[in-house]
Amino acid sequence: MGETTVLLSQSHYVIIHYTVIIHYTMP
C-alpha cells in the first residue's frame, strides 16, 4: 500500500512539473 501511495505522489509531482514547464515554455 505504501508503494502505491509513493507512486501516486510521484505521478502527481511529475504532472505538476510538466504543467509548469509547458506553461512557462508556451505562455
PDB file of N, CA and C in Angstrom:
ATOM      1  N   MET A   1       0.852  -1.212   0.000  1.00  0.00           N
ATOM      2  CA  MET A   1       0.000   0.000   0.000  1.00  0.00           C
ATOM      3  C   MET A   1       0.879   1.250   0.000  1.00  0.00           C
ATOM      4  N   GLY A   2       1.969   1.192   0.748  1.00  0.00           N
ATOM      5  CA  GLY A   2       2.871   2.352   0.805  1.00  0.00           C
ATOM      6  C   GLY A   2       3.463   2.660  -0.563  1.00  0.00           C
ATOM      7  N   GLU A   3       3.806   1.589  -1.300  1.00  0.00           N
ATOM      8  CA  GLU A   3       4.403   1.802  -2.630  1.00  0.00           C
ATOM      9  C   GLU A   3       3.417   2.495  -3.555  1.00  0.00           C
ATOM     10  N   THR A   4       2.130   2.117  -3.448  1.00  0.00           N
ATOM     11  CA  THR A   4       1.112   2.746  -4.301  1.00  0.00           C
ATOM     12  C   THR A   4       1.017   4.234  -3.984  1.00  0.00           C
ATOM     13  N   THR A   5       1.068   4.587  -2.706  1.00  0.00           N
ATOM     14  CA  THR A   5       0.984   5.993  -2.319  1.00  0.00           C
ATOM     15  C   THR A   5       2.156   6.772  -2.898  1.00  0.00           C
ATOM     16  N   VAL A   6       3.345   6.181  -2.822  1.00  0.00           N
ATOM     17  CA  VAL A   6       4.538   6.852  -3.349  1.00  0.00           C
ATOM     18  C   VAL A   6       4.410   7.025  -4.851  1.00  0.00           C
ATOM     19  N   LEU A   7       3.915   5.999  -5.531  1.00  0.00           N
ATOM     20  CA  LEU A   7       3.779   6.057  -6.984  1.00  0.00           C
ATOM     21  C   LEU A   7       2.809   7.170  -7.365  1.00  0.00           C
ATOM     22  N   LEU A   8       1.686   7.257  -6.679  1.00  0.00           N
ATOM     23  CA  LEU A   8       0.705   8.304  -6.979  1.00  0.00           C
ATOM     24  C   LEU A   8       1.304   9.674  -6.678  1.00  0.00           C
ATOM     25  N   SER A   9       2.059   9.772  -5.597  1.00  0.00           N
ATOM     26  CA  SER A   9       2.678  11.044  -5.233  1.00  0.00           C
ATOM     27  C   SER A   9       3.661  11.485  -6.306  1.00  0.00           C
ATOM     28  N   GLN A  10       4.503  10.555  -6.777  1.00  0.00           N
ATOM     29  CA  GLN A  10       5.486  10.905  -7.810  1.00  0.00           C
ATOM     30  C   GLN A  10       4.775  11.280  -9.095  1.00  0.00           C
ATOM     31  N   SER A  11       3.717  10.538  -9.451  1.00  0.00           N
ATOM     32  CA  SER A  11       2.974  10.819 -10.679  1.00  0.00           C
ATOM     33  C   SER A  11       2.369  12.213 -10.597  1.00  0.00           C
ATOM     34  N   HIS A  12       1.794  12.556  -9.450  1.00  0.00           N
ATOM     35  CA  HIS A  12       1.181  13.866  -9.257  1.00  0.00           C
ATOM     36  C   HIS A  12       2.239  14.962  -9.392  1.00  0.00           C
ATOM     37  N   TYR A  13       3.431  14.711  -8.832  1.00  0.00           N
ATOM     38  CA  TYR A  13       4.519  15.693  -8.907  1.00  0.00           C
ATOM     39  C   TYR A  13       4.970  15.888 -10.347  1.00  0.00           C
ATOM     40  N   VAL A  14       5.077  14.774 -11.084  1.00  0.00           N
ATOM     41  CA  VAL A  14       5.511  14.857 -12.484  1.00  0.00           C
ATOM     42  C   VAL A  14       4.500  15.643 -13.302  1.00  0.00           C
ATOM     43  N   ILE A  15       3.211  15.403 -13.079  1.00  0.00           N
ATOM     44  CA  ILE A  15       2.165  16.123 -13.823  1.00  0.00           C
ATOM     45  C   ILE A  15       2.283  17.626 -13.559  1.00  0.00           C
ATOM     46  N   ILE A  16       2.436  18.013 -12.297  1.00  0.00           N
ATOM     47  CA  ILE A  16       2.565  19.436 -11.959  1.00  0.00           C
ATOM     48  C   ILE A  16       3.843  19.998 -12.579  1.00  0.00           C
ATOM     49  N   HIS A  17       4.936  19.226 -12.511  1.00  0.00           N
ATOM     50  CA  HIS A  17       6.224  19.689 -13.034  1.00  0.00           C
ATOM     51  C   HIS A  17       6.127  19.998 -14.524  1.00  0.00           C
ATOM     52  N   TYR A  18       5.548  19.060 -15.287  1.00  0.00           N
ATOM     53  CA  TYR A  18       5.437  19.274 -16.735  1.00  0.00           C
ATOM     54  C   TYR A  18       4.432  20.370 -17.054  1.00  0.00           C
ATOM     55  N   THR A  19       3.381  20.496 -16.253  1.00  0.00           N
ATOM     56  CA  THR A  19       2.398  21.559 -16.479  1.00  0.00           C
ATOM     57  C   THR A  19       3.058  22.927 -16.330  1.00  0.00           C
ATOM     58  N   VAL A  20       3.910  23.069 -15.320  1.00  0.00           N
ATOM     59  CA  VAL A  20       4.616  24.335 -15.104  1.00  0.00           C
ATOM     60  C   VAL A  20       5.578  24.606 -16.259  1.00  0.00           C
ATOM     61  N   ILE A  21       6.300  23.578 -16.692  1.00  0.00           N
ATOM     62  CA  ILE A  21       7.256  23.753 -17.800  1.00  0.00           C
ATOM     63  C   ILE A  21       6.511  24.199 -19.062  1.00  0.00           C
ATOM     64  N   ILE A  22       5.416  23.516 -19.380  1.00  0.00           N
ATOM     65  CA  ILE A  22       4.647  23.870 -20.585  1.00  0.00           C
ATOM     66  C   ILE A  22       4.093  25.292 -20.438  1.00  0.00           C
ATOM     67  N   HIS A  23       3.639  25.637 -19.253  1.00  0.00           N
ATOM     68  CA  HIS A  23       3.053  26.963 -19.023  1.00  0.00           C
ATOM     69  C   HIS A  23       4.087  28.060 -19.273  1.00  0.00           C
ATOM     70  N   TYR A  24       5.319  27.849 -18.793  1.00  0.00           N
ATOM     71  CA  TYR A  24       6.357  28.873 -18.973  1.00  0.00           C
ATOM     72  C   TYR A  24       6.994  28.805 -20.359  1.00  0.00           C
ATOM     73  N   THR A  25       6.986  27.617 -20.980  1.00  0.00           N
ATOM     74  CA  THR A  25       7.576  27.491 -22.311  1.00  0.00           C
ATOM     75  C   THR A  25       6.633  28.050 -23.376  1.00  0.00           C
ATOM     76  N   MET A  26       5.340  27.814 -23.193  1.00  0.00           N
ATOM     77  CA  MET A  26       4.341  28.287 -24.153  1.00  0.00           C
ATOM     78  C   MET A  26       3.303  29.151 -23.433  1.00  0.00           C
ATOM     79  N   PRO A  27       3.612  30.398 -23.186  1.00  0.00           N
ATOM     80  CA  PRO A  27       2.700  31.277 -22.443  1.00  0.00           C
ATOM     81  C   PRO A  27       1.438  31.598 -23.247  1.00  0.00           C
TER      82      PRO A  27
END
